[in-house]
Amino acid sequence: MMNSLNLLLFVVLSALAVVASLHAWRNQQVYGFFRFLAFETLALLIVWNISCWFRDPFSIQQIISWTILAISTVLAAHGFYLLKTVGKAQARIMENTRRLVEVGAYRYIRHPLYASLILFGWGVFFKGADLLSIALVSMATVLWFLSARYEERFNIDRFGEEYSQYMERTKMFIPFLL
């Protein structure tokens, strides 16, 4: 159900999605398009499930949700920290690193930030866990996967053989699996 506060929340989240995608759009990077769509899908998922966030807080569904959201937050903070300190990323454009980061979570997975967003989506899904939520989180997951794939092409152009070898040593999102 969409009321005026939900609409305002969606507009704010959409504005953040635009800001997060501007750099890639300016550089005509395809991953920016998929990333924007994924952010928009997450925004819809959040707005759809916002009324359920604190309902029945000690249910197993809520505990699962909050656990996934906490893991997502820690992984995102860790990923941003490593991009800034090790990768020497610019303050406003985190993906624009000067060095390839291969420590911490990046030692095991190439996309901790996308993984954190996928986890975030699934954490939000568990808030409401209905058919529309499963459709939205599934769509967001596919869009994050596509974003990562296209970003890898960008990284191969940027870092060359070093990134290709890194891809052989690591998984995309889940250590040792995927």
N, C-alpha and C. Protein backbone atom coordinates (compact mmCIF):
# COMPACT_ATOMS: atom_id res chain seq x y z
N MET A 1 0.85 -1.18 0.00
CA MET A 1 0.00 0.00 0.00
C MET A 1 0.89 1.24 0.00
N MET A 2 0.60 2.18 -0.88
CA MET A 2 1.43 3.36 -1.04
C MET A 2 0.71 4.57 -0.47
N ASN A 3 1.23 5.09 0.65
CA ASN A 3 0.70 6.35 1.17
C ASN A 3 1.74 7.43 0.89
N SER A 4 1.47 8.64 1.35
CA SER A 4 2.36 9.75 1.02
C SER A 4 3.74 9.59 1.65
N LEU A 5 3.84 9.02 2.84
CA LEU A 5 5.16 8.80 3.45
C LEU A 5 5.94 7.74 2.69
N ASN A 6 5.25 6.69 2.25
CA ASN A 6 5.91 5.66 1.46
C ASN A 6 6.41 6.23 0.13
N LEU A 7 5.58 7.07 -0.48
CA LEU A 7 5.97 7.71 -1.73
C LEU A 7 7.19 8.61 -1.51
N LEU A 8 7.19 9.37 -0.44
CA LEU A 8 8.34 10.22 -0.12
C LEU A 8 9.59 9.38 0.09
N LEU A 9 9.46 8.28 0.81
CA LEU A 9 10.59 7.38 1.03
C LEU A 9 11.11 6.84 -0.30
N PHE A 10 10.20 6.45 -1.18
CA PHE A 10 10.62 5.94 -2.48
C PHE A 10 11.35 7.02 -3.29
N VAL A 11 10.86 8.24 -3.25
CA VAL A 11 11.50 9.34 -3.98
C VAL A 11 12.90 9.60 -3.43
N VAL A 12 13.05 9.61 -2.10
CA VAL A 12 14.36 9.81 -1.48
C VAL A 12 15.32 8.68 -1.87
N LEU A 13 14.84 7.43 -1.77
CA LEU A 13 15.69 6.30 -2.14
C LEU A 13 16.05 6.33 -3.62
N SER A 14 15.12 6.76 -4.45
CA SER A 14 15.40 6.88 -5.89
C SER A 14 16.44 7.96 -6.15
N ALA A 15 16.37 9.06 -5.43
CA ALA A 15 17.38 10.11 -5.58
C ALA A 15 18.76 9.58 -5.19
N LEU A 16 18.82 8.80 -4.13
CA LEU A 16 20.10 8.19 -3.73
C LEU A 16 20.59 7.21 -4.80
N ALA A 17 19.68 6.50 -5.43
CA ALA A 17 20.05 5.58 -6.52
C ALA A 17 20.64 6.34 -7.70
N VAL A 18 20.07 7.48 -8.00
CA VAL A 18 20.60 8.32 -9.08
C VAL A 18 22.01 8.78 -8.72
N VAL A 19 22.19 9.28 -7.52
CA VAL A 19 23.51 9.76 -7.08
C VAL A 19 24.53 8.62 -7.14
N ALA A 20 24.14 7.43 -6.69
CA ALA A 20 25.05 6.28 -6.69
C ALA A 20 25.40 5.82 -8.11
N SER A 21 24.59 6.18 -9.07
CA SER A 21 24.80 5.72 -10.44
C SER A 21 25.42 6.77 -11.36
N LEU A 22 25.48 8.01 -10.93
CA LEU A 22 25.93 9.10 -11.80
C LEU A 22 27.32 8.87 -12.40
N HIS A 23 28.27 8.45 -11.57
CA HIS A 23 29.64 8.27 -12.06
C HIS A 23 29.67 7.27 -13.21
N ALA A 24 29.00 6.14 -13.03
CA ALA A 24 28.99 5.12 -14.09
C ALA A 24 28.28 5.63 -15.33
N TRP A 25 27.20 6.38 -15.16
CA TRP A 25 26.49 6.94 -16.31
C TRP A 25 27.35 7.94 -17.06
N ARG A 26 28.04 8.80 -16.32
CA ARG A 26 28.90 9.80 -16.97
C ARG A 26 30.00 9.15 -17.80
N ASN A 27 30.49 8.01 -17.31
CA ASN A 27 31.54 7.29 -18.03
C ASN A 27 30.99 6.24 -18.97
N GLN A 28 29.68 6.27 -19.17
CA GLN A 28 28.98 5.36 -20.07
C GLN A 28 29.29 3.90 -19.79
N GLN A 29 29.32 3.56 -18.51
CA GLN A 29 29.54 2.18 -18.09
C GLN A 29 28.19 1.47 -17.95
N VAL A 30 28.05 0.33 -18.59
CA VAL A 30 26.80 -0.41 -18.60
C VAL A 30 26.38 -0.82 -17.20
N TYR A 31 27.35 -1.13 -16.33
CA TYR A 31 26.98 -1.58 -15.00
C TYR A 31 26.18 -0.52 -14.24
N GLY A 32 26.34 0.75 -14.60
CA GLY A 32 25.58 1.81 -13.94
C GLY A 32 24.09 1.69 -14.18
N PHE A 33 23.70 1.24 -15.37
CA PHE A 33 22.29 1.03 -15.69
C PHE A 33 21.72 -0.09 -14.84
N PHE A 34 22.41 -1.23 -14.79
CA PHE A 34 21.93 -2.36 -13.98
C PHE A 34 21.93 -2.02 -12.49
N ARG A 35 22.95 -1.30 -12.08
CA ARG A 35 23.04 -0.91 -10.67
C ARG A 35 21.87 0.01 -10.29
N PHE A 36 21.55 0.97 -11.15
CA PHE A 36 20.42 1.85 -10.89
C PHE A 36 19.12 1.05 -10.78
N LEU A 37 18.90 0.14 -11.71
CA LEU A 37 17.68 -0.68 -11.66
C LEU A 37 17.65 -1.53 -10.38
N ALA A 38 18.80 -2.04 -9.98
CA ALA A 38 18.85 -2.84 -8.74
C ALA A 38 18.53 -1.98 -7.53
N PHE A 39 19.08 -0.76 -7.48
CA PHE A 39 18.75 0.15 -6.38
C PHE A 39 17.27 0.48 -6.36
N GLU A 40 16.70 0.71 -7.54
CA GLU A 40 15.26 1.02 -7.61
C GLU A 40 14.43 -0.16 -7.14
N THR A 41 14.85 -1.36 -7.51
CA THR A 41 14.14 -2.56 -7.07
C THR A 41 14.22 -2.71 -5.56
N LEU A 42 15.40 -2.43 -4.99
CA LEU A 42 15.54 -2.46 -3.53
C LEU A 42 14.66 -1.39 -2.88
N ALA A 43 14.59 -0.23 -3.51
CA ALA A 43 13.73 0.84 -2.97
C ALA A 43 12.28 0.38 -2.92
N LEU A 44 11.81 -0.24 -3.99
CA LEU A 44 10.45 -0.77 -4.00
C LEU A 44 10.25 -1.83 -2.92
N LEU A 45 11.24 -2.70 -2.76
CA LEU A 45 11.17 -3.75 -1.74
C LEU A 45 11.09 -3.15 -0.34
N ILE A 46 11.90 -2.14 -0.09
CA ILE A 46 11.87 -1.47 1.22
C ILE A 46 10.51 -0.83 1.46
N VAL A 47 10.04 -0.08 0.50
CA VAL A 47 8.74 0.60 0.66
C VAL A 47 7.63 -0.43 0.84
N TRP A 48 7.66 -1.50 0.08
CA TRP A 48 6.63 -2.53 0.19
C TRP A 48 6.61 -3.17 1.57
N ASN A 49 7.79 -3.37 2.16
CA ASN A 49 7.88 -4.08 3.44
C ASN A 49 8.05 -3.18 4.66
N ILE A 50 8.03 -1.88 4.48
CA ILE A 50 8.32 -0.97 5.58
C ILE A 50 7.38 -1.15 6.77
N SER A 51 6.15 -1.50 6.52
CA SER A 51 5.19 -1.65 7.61
C SER A 51 5.47 -2.90 8.45
N CYS A 52 6.29 -3.80 7.93
CA CYS A 52 6.58 -5.05 8.65
C CYS A 52 7.90 -5.02 9.43
N TRP A 53 8.66 -3.94 9.33
CA TRP A 53 10.02 -3.94 9.87
C TRP A 53 10.08 -4.24 11.36
N PHE A 54 9.14 -3.76 12.12
CA PHE A 54 9.21 -3.96 13.57
C PHE A 54 8.03 -4.77 14.10
N ARG A 55 7.28 -5.38 13.21
CA ARG A 55 6.15 -6.22 13.60
C ARG A 55 6.68 -7.55 14.15
N ASP A 56 6.16 -7.96 15.28
CA ASP A 56 6.51 -9.24 15.90
C ASP A 56 8.04 -9.42 15.96
N PRO A 57 8.72 -8.55 16.72
CA PRO A 57 10.19 -8.46 16.66
C PRO A 57 10.96 -9.71 17.09
N PHE A 58 10.34 -10.61 17.82
CA PHE A 58 11.07 -11.79 18.27
C PHE A 58 10.68 -13.06 17.51
N SER A 59 9.97 -12.90 16.41
CA SER A 59 9.63 -14.05 15.58
C SER A 59 10.90 -14.53 14.86
N ILE A 60 10.90 -15.79 14.48
CA ILE A 60 12.06 -16.35 13.80
C ILE A 60 12.33 -15.61 12.48
N GLN A 61 11.27 -15.21 11.80
CA GLN A 61 11.40 -14.46 10.54
C GLN A 61 12.13 -13.14 10.76
N GLN A 62 11.76 -12.42 11.82
CA GLN A 62 12.42 -11.14 12.12
C GLN A 62 13.86 -11.35 12.57
N ILE A 63 14.11 -12.38 13.32
CA ILE A 63 15.48 -12.67 13.78
C ILE A 63 16.37 -12.99 12.58
N ILE A 64 15.85 -13.80 11.66
CA ILE A 64 16.60 -14.09 10.43
C ILE A 64 16.86 -12.79 9.66
N SER A 65 15.82 -11.99 9.51
CA SER A 65 15.94 -10.72 8.78
C SER A 65 17.00 -9.82 9.40
N TRP A 66 16.92 -9.59 10.70
CA TRP A 66 17.87 -8.69 11.35
C TRP A 66 19.29 -9.25 11.32
N THR A 67 19.43 -10.57 11.38
CA THR A 67 20.76 -11.18 11.29
C THR A 67 21.37 -10.93 9.91
N ILE A 68 20.57 -11.16 8.87
CA ILE A 68 21.05 -10.92 7.51
C ILE A 68 21.38 -9.44 7.30
N LEU A 69 20.53 -8.56 7.81
CA LEU A 69 20.78 -7.11 7.67
C LEU A 69 22.06 -6.70 8.42
N ALA A 70 22.31 -7.30 9.58
CA ALA A 70 23.52 -6.98 10.33
C ALA A 70 24.77 -7.46 9.58
N ILE A 71 24.72 -8.66 9.04
CA ILE A 71 25.85 -9.17 8.26
C ILE A 71 26.09 -8.28 7.05
N SER A 72 25.01 -7.88 6.40
CA SER A 72 25.11 -6.99 5.25
C SER A 72 25.80 -5.68 5.61
N THR A 73 25.43 -5.11 6.74
CA THR A 73 26.01 -3.84 7.20
C THR A 73 27.49 -3.98 7.50
N VAL A 74 27.86 -5.04 8.18
CA VAL A 74 29.28 -5.26 8.53
C VAL A 74 30.10 -5.47 7.25
N LEU A 75 29.56 -6.27 6.32
CA LEU A 75 30.29 -6.52 5.07
C LEU A 75 30.45 -5.23 4.26
N ALA A 76 29.41 -4.41 4.21
CA ALA A 76 29.50 -3.14 3.49
C ALA A 76 30.54 -2.21 4.13
N ALA A 77 30.49 -2.08 5.44
CA ALA A 77 31.45 -1.22 6.14
C ALA A 77 32.88 -1.70 5.89
N HIS A 78 33.09 -2.99 5.98
CA HIS A 78 34.41 -3.59 5.76
C HIS A 78 34.87 -3.33 4.32
N GLY A 79 33.98 -3.53 3.35
CA GLY A 79 34.31 -3.31 1.95
C GLY A 79 34.67 -1.86 1.66
N PHE A 80 33.85 -0.93 2.16
CA PHE A 80 34.14 0.50 1.95
C PHE A 80 35.47 0.89 2.60
N TYR A 81 35.71 0.39 3.81
CA TYR A 81 36.95 0.69 4.51
C TYR A 81 38.16 0.23 3.68
N LEU A 82 38.10 -0.99 3.16
CA LEU A 82 39.22 -1.51 2.37
C LEU A 82 39.40 -0.75 1.05
N LEU A 83 38.31 -0.38 0.41
CA LEU A 83 38.44 0.40 -0.82
C LEU A 83 39.11 1.74 -0.54
N LYS A 84 38.75 2.35 0.56
CA LYS A 84 39.30 3.66 0.90
C LYS A 84 40.76 3.56 1.33
N THR A 85 41.07 2.63 2.23
CA THR A 85 42.42 2.57 2.79
C THR A 85 43.42 1.83 1.91
N VAL A 86 43.04 0.67 1.40
CA VAL A 86 43.97 -0.13 0.60
C VAL A 86 43.89 0.27 -0.87
N GLY A 87 42.67 0.44 -1.37
CA GLY A 87 42.50 0.77 -2.78
C GLY A 87 42.72 2.23 -3.10
N LYS A 88 42.81 3.07 -2.06
CA LYS A 88 43.02 4.51 -2.24
C LYS A 88 41.92 5.13 -3.11
N ALA A 89 40.66 4.72 -2.84
CA ALA A 89 39.53 5.22 -3.60
C ALA A 89 39.31 6.70 -3.33
N GLN A 90 38.75 7.37 -4.33
CA GLN A 90 38.38 8.77 -4.15
C GLN A 90 37.21 8.85 -3.19
N ALA A 91 37.10 9.95 -2.50
CA ALA A 91 36.06 10.11 -1.48
C ALA A 91 34.65 9.95 -2.06
N ARG A 92 34.39 10.51 -3.22
CA ARG A 92 33.03 10.49 -3.77
C ARG A 92 32.77 9.31 -4.69
N ILE A 93 33.81 8.68 -5.21
CA ILE A 93 33.64 7.60 -6.19
C ILE A 93 34.39 6.37 -5.68
N MET A 94 33.71 5.56 -4.90
CA MET A 94 34.37 4.45 -4.23
C MET A 94 34.92 3.40 -5.20
N GLU A 95 34.26 3.17 -6.33
CA GLU A 95 34.76 2.13 -7.22
C GLU A 95 35.99 2.58 -8.01
N ASN A 96 36.33 3.84 -7.94
CA ASN A 96 37.48 4.37 -8.66
C ASN A 96 38.72 4.26 -7.78
N THR A 97 39.21 3.03 -7.62
CA THR A 97 40.38 2.80 -6.78
C THR A 97 41.66 2.95 -7.60
N ARG A 98 42.73 3.23 -6.91
CA ARG A 98 44.03 3.35 -7.56
C ARG A 98 44.78 2.02 -7.56
N ARG A 99 44.36 1.14 -6.63
CA ARG A 99 45.00 -0.17 -6.50
C ARG A 99 43.92 -1.24 -6.43
N LEU A 100 44.24 -2.41 -6.92
CA LEU A 100 43.35 -3.56 -6.79
C LEU A 100 43.42 -4.04 -5.34
N VAL A 101 42.26 -4.19 -4.71
CA VAL A 101 42.20 -4.62 -3.32
C VAL A 101 42.05 -6.14 -3.30
N GLU A 102 42.98 -6.81 -2.59
CA GLU A 102 42.96 -8.27 -2.52
C GLU A 102 43.12 -8.77 -1.09
N VAL A 103 42.75 -7.96 -0.12
CA VAL A 103 42.85 -8.36 1.28
C VAL A 103 41.46 -8.33 1.92
N GLY A 104 41.39 -8.86 3.14
CA GLY A 104 40.11 -8.88 3.84
C GLY A 104 39.10 -9.70 3.06
N ALA A 105 37.87 -9.22 2.99
CA ALA A 105 36.83 -9.92 2.25
C ALA A 105 37.20 -10.06 0.78
N TYR A 106 37.94 -9.09 0.24
CA TYR A 106 38.34 -9.12 -1.16
C TYR A 106 39.31 -10.25 -1.46
N ARG A 107 39.87 -10.84 -0.46
CA ARG A 107 40.74 -12.00 -0.65
C ARG A 107 39.93 -13.22 -1.10
N TYR A 108 38.66 -13.25 -0.71
CA TYR A 108 37.80 -14.40 -0.98
C TYR A 108 36.72 -14.13 -2.02
N ILE A 109 36.22 -12.90 -2.05
CA ILE A 109 35.18 -12.55 -3.02
C ILE A 109 35.53 -11.22 -3.69
N ARG A 110 35.16 -11.12 -4.96
CA ARG A 110 35.50 -9.93 -5.73
C ARG A 110 34.56 -8.77 -5.46
N HIS A 111 33.36 -9.06 -4.98
CA HIS A 111 32.33 -8.02 -4.86
C HIS A 111 31.67 -8.00 -3.50
N PRO A 112 32.40 -7.68 -2.44
CA PRO A 112 31.77 -7.63 -1.12
C PRO A 112 30.65 -6.59 -1.03
N LEU A 113 30.77 -5.49 -1.75
CA LEU A 113 29.72 -4.47 -1.67
C LEU A 113 28.45 -4.94 -2.37
N TYR A 114 28.58 -5.56 -3.52
CA TYR A 114 27.40 -6.13 -4.16
C TYR A 114 26.84 -7.27 -3.31
N ALA A 115 27.71 -8.08 -2.73
CA ALA A 115 27.24 -9.16 -1.85
C ALA A 115 26.46 -8.58 -0.67
N SER A 116 26.94 -7.46 -0.14
CA SER A 116 26.22 -6.84 0.99
C SER A 116 24.86 -6.33 0.54
N LEU A 117 24.76 -5.82 -0.68
CA LEU A 117 23.48 -5.35 -1.19
C LEU A 117 22.52 -6.51 -1.46
N ILE A 118 23.06 -7.62 -1.95
CA ILE A 118 22.23 -8.82 -2.14
C ILE A 118 21.72 -9.29 -0.78
N LEU A 119 22.61 -9.36 0.20
CA LEU A 119 22.19 -9.75 1.54
C LEU A 119 21.16 -8.77 2.10
N PHE A 120 21.38 -7.49 1.89
CA PHE A 120 20.43 -6.48 2.36
C PHE A 120 19.05 -6.75 1.76
N GLY A 121 19.00 -7.00 0.47
CA GLY A 121 17.73 -7.30 -0.18
C GLY A 121 17.04 -8.50 0.44
N TRP A 122 17.80 -9.55 0.70
CA TRP A 122 17.20 -10.74 1.31
C TRP A 122 16.79 -10.48 2.75
N GLY A 123 17.53 -9.64 3.46
CA GLY A 123 17.11 -9.25 4.80
C GLY A 123 15.80 -8.51 4.78
N VAL A 124 15.64 -7.61 3.82
CA VAL A 124 14.37 -6.87 3.67
C VAL A 124 13.26 -7.83 3.24
N PHE A 125 13.58 -8.77 2.36
CA PHE A 125 12.59 -9.77 1.95
C PHE A 125 11.98 -10.46 3.16
N PHE A 126 12.83 -10.88 4.10
CA PHE A 126 12.33 -11.63 5.26
C PHE A 126 11.45 -10.79 6.18
N LYS A 127 11.44 -9.49 6.00
CA LYS A 127 10.53 -8.65 6.78
C LYS A 127 9.08 -8.97 6.44
N GLY A 128 8.79 -9.16 5.15
CA GLY A 128 7.42 -9.39 4.71
C GLY A 128 7.20 -10.76 4.11
N ALA A 129 8.19 -11.26 3.39
CA ALA A 129 8.19 -12.60 2.80
C ALA A 129 6.87 -12.96 2.11
N ASP A 130 6.51 -12.17 1.10
CA ASP A 130 5.32 -12.48 0.32
C ASP A 130 5.72 -12.62 -1.16
N LEU A 131 4.76 -12.86 -2.03
CA LEU A 131 5.08 -13.10 -3.44
C LEU A 131 5.72 -11.90 -4.12
N LEU A 132 5.22 -10.69 -3.86
CA LEU A 132 5.83 -9.52 -4.47
C LEU A 132 7.26 -9.34 -3.95
N SER A 133 7.47 -9.57 -2.68
CA SER A 133 8.82 -9.45 -2.11
C SER A 133 9.79 -10.44 -2.74
N ILE A 134 9.35 -11.67 -2.95
CA ILE A 134 10.25 -12.66 -3.56
C ILE A 134 10.56 -12.27 -5.00
N ALA A 135 9.57 -11.71 -5.70
CA ALA A 135 9.81 -11.26 -7.08
C ALA A 135 10.82 -10.10 -7.09
N LEU A 136 10.63 -9.14 -6.19
CA LEU A 136 11.52 -7.98 -6.16
C LEU A 136 12.93 -8.36 -5.75
N VAL A 137 13.08 -9.18 -4.71
CA VAL A 137 14.43 -9.55 -4.25
C VAL A 137 15.13 -10.43 -5.29
N SER A 138 14.37 -11.27 -5.97
CA SER A 138 14.97 -12.09 -7.03
C SER A 138 15.46 -11.20 -8.18
N MET A 139 14.63 -10.22 -8.54
CA MET A 139 15.03 -9.29 -9.60
C MET A 139 16.26 -8.50 -9.19
N ALA A 140 16.28 -8.01 -7.96
CA ALA A 140 17.44 -7.25 -7.47
C ALA A 140 18.69 -8.11 -7.49
N THR A 141 18.58 -9.37 -7.07
CA THR A 141 19.73 -10.27 -7.05
C THR A 141 20.29 -10.45 -8.46
N VAL A 142 19.42 -10.68 -9.43
CA VAL A 142 19.87 -10.82 -10.82
C VAL A 142 20.53 -9.53 -11.30
N LEU A 143 19.94 -8.40 -10.97
CA LEU A 143 20.51 -7.11 -11.40
C LEU A 143 21.87 -6.85 -10.75
N TRP A 144 22.04 -7.22 -9.48
CA TRP A 144 23.36 -7.06 -8.84
C TRP A 144 24.38 -7.98 -9.51
N PHE A 145 23.95 -9.19 -9.86
CA PHE A 145 24.84 -10.12 -10.57
C PHE A 145 25.28 -9.51 -11.90
N LEU A 146 24.32 -8.98 -12.67
CA LEU A 146 24.65 -8.35 -13.96
C LEU A 146 25.56 -7.14 -13.77
N SER A 147 25.29 -6.35 -12.74
CA SER A 147 26.15 -5.19 -12.44
C SER A 147 27.58 -5.65 -12.20
N ALA A 148 27.73 -6.69 -11.40
CA ALA A 148 29.06 -7.20 -11.08
C ALA A 148 29.76 -7.72 -12.33
N ARG A 149 29.05 -8.44 -13.18
CA ARG A 149 29.64 -8.98 -14.40
C ARG A 149 30.14 -7.85 -15.31
N TYR A 150 29.31 -6.84 -15.50
CA TYR A 150 29.74 -5.72 -16.35
C TYR A 150 30.85 -4.91 -15.69
N GLU A 151 30.82 -4.78 -14.39
CA GLU A 151 31.88 -4.06 -13.70
C GLU A 151 33.20 -4.82 -13.83
N GLU A 152 33.14 -6.13 -13.88
CA GLU A 152 34.37 -6.91 -14.06
C GLU A 152 35.03 -6.60 -15.40
N ARG A 153 34.23 -6.38 -16.43
CA ARG A 153 34.80 -5.98 -17.72
C ARG A 153 35.54 -4.65 -17.59
N PHE A 154 34.92 -3.72 -16.86
CA PHE A 154 35.55 -2.43 -16.59
C PHE A 154 36.86 -2.64 -15.84
N ASN A 155 36.86 -3.52 -14.84
CA ASN A 155 38.06 -3.76 -14.03
C ASN A 155 39.17 -4.45 -14.83
N ILE A 156 38.79 -5.31 -15.76
CA ILE A 156 39.80 -5.93 -16.62
C ILE A 156 40.47 -4.86 -17.49
N ASP A 157 39.67 -3.94 -18.01
CA ASP A 157 40.24 -2.84 -18.79
C ASP A 157 41.15 -1.97 -17.92
N ARG A 158 40.76 -1.76 -16.68
CA ARG A 158 41.49 -0.88 -15.77
C ARG A 158 42.77 -1.51 -15.23
N PHE A 159 42.66 -2.78 -14.75
CA PHE A 159 43.78 -3.43 -14.08
C PHE A 159 44.46 -4.52 -14.92
N GLY A 160 43.88 -4.87 -16.06
CA GLY A 160 44.49 -5.83 -16.97
C GLY A 160 44.60 -7.24 -16.42
N GLU A 161 45.72 -7.86 -16.73
CA GLU A 161 45.97 -9.25 -16.36
C GLU A 161 45.90 -9.47 -14.85
N GLU A 162 46.28 -8.47 -14.09
CA GLU A 162 46.22 -8.58 -12.63
C GLU A 162 44.79 -8.90 -12.17
N TYR A 163 43.80 -8.25 -12.79
CA TYR A 163 42.41 -8.51 -12.42
C TYR A 163 41.94 -9.87 -12.95
N SER A 164 42.38 -10.24 -14.12
CA SER A 164 42.01 -11.55 -14.67
C SER A 164 42.52 -12.68 -13.76
N GLN A 165 43.73 -12.55 -13.28
CA GLN A 165 44.27 -13.54 -12.35
C GLN A 165 43.51 -13.53 -11.03
N TYR A 166 43.16 -12.34 -10.56
CA TYR A 166 42.36 -12.19 -9.34
C TYR A 166 41.02 -12.90 -9.49
N MET A 167 40.41 -12.79 -10.66
CA MET A 167 39.13 -13.45 -10.91
C MET A 167 39.27 -14.97 -10.82
N GLU A 168 40.40 -15.50 -11.24
CA GLU A 168 40.62 -16.95 -11.18
C GLU A 168 40.79 -17.43 -9.74
N ARG A 169 41.29 -16.57 -8.86
CA ARG A 169 41.55 -16.96 -7.47
C ARG A 169 40.35 -16.77 -6.54
N THR A 170 39.37 -15.98 -6.96
CA THR A 170 38.28 -15.62 -6.05
C THR A 170 36.92 -15.94 -6.67
N LYS A 171 35.92 -15.94 -5.83
CA LYS A 171 34.53 -16.09 -6.26
C LYS A 171 33.89 -14.72 -6.29
N MET A 172 32.71 -14.63 -6.89
CA MET A 172 32.04 -13.32 -7.00
C MET A 172 31.47 -12.84 -5.67
N PHE A 173 30.64 -13.68 -5.04
CA PHE A 173 29.85 -13.22 -3.89
C PHE A 173 29.97 -14.08 -2.64
N ILE A 174 30.15 -15.38 -2.81
CA ILE A 174 30.18 -16.30 -1.67
C ILE A 174 31.50 -17.04 -1.68
N PRO A 175 32.32 -16.88 -0.63
CA PRO A 175 33.62 -17.54 -0.62
C PRO A 175 33.52 -19.04 -0.91
N PHE A 176 34.37 -19.51 -1.80
CA PHE A 176 34.53 -20.92 -2.16
C PHE A 176 33.33 -21.50 -2.95
N LEU A 177 32.26 -20.73 -3.17
CA LEU A 177 31.07 -21.27 -3.85
C LEU A 177 30.71 -20.52 -5.13
N LEU A 178 30.37 -19.25 -5.00
CA LEU A 178 29.84 -18.48 -6.14
C LEU A 178 30.50 -17.13 -6.23
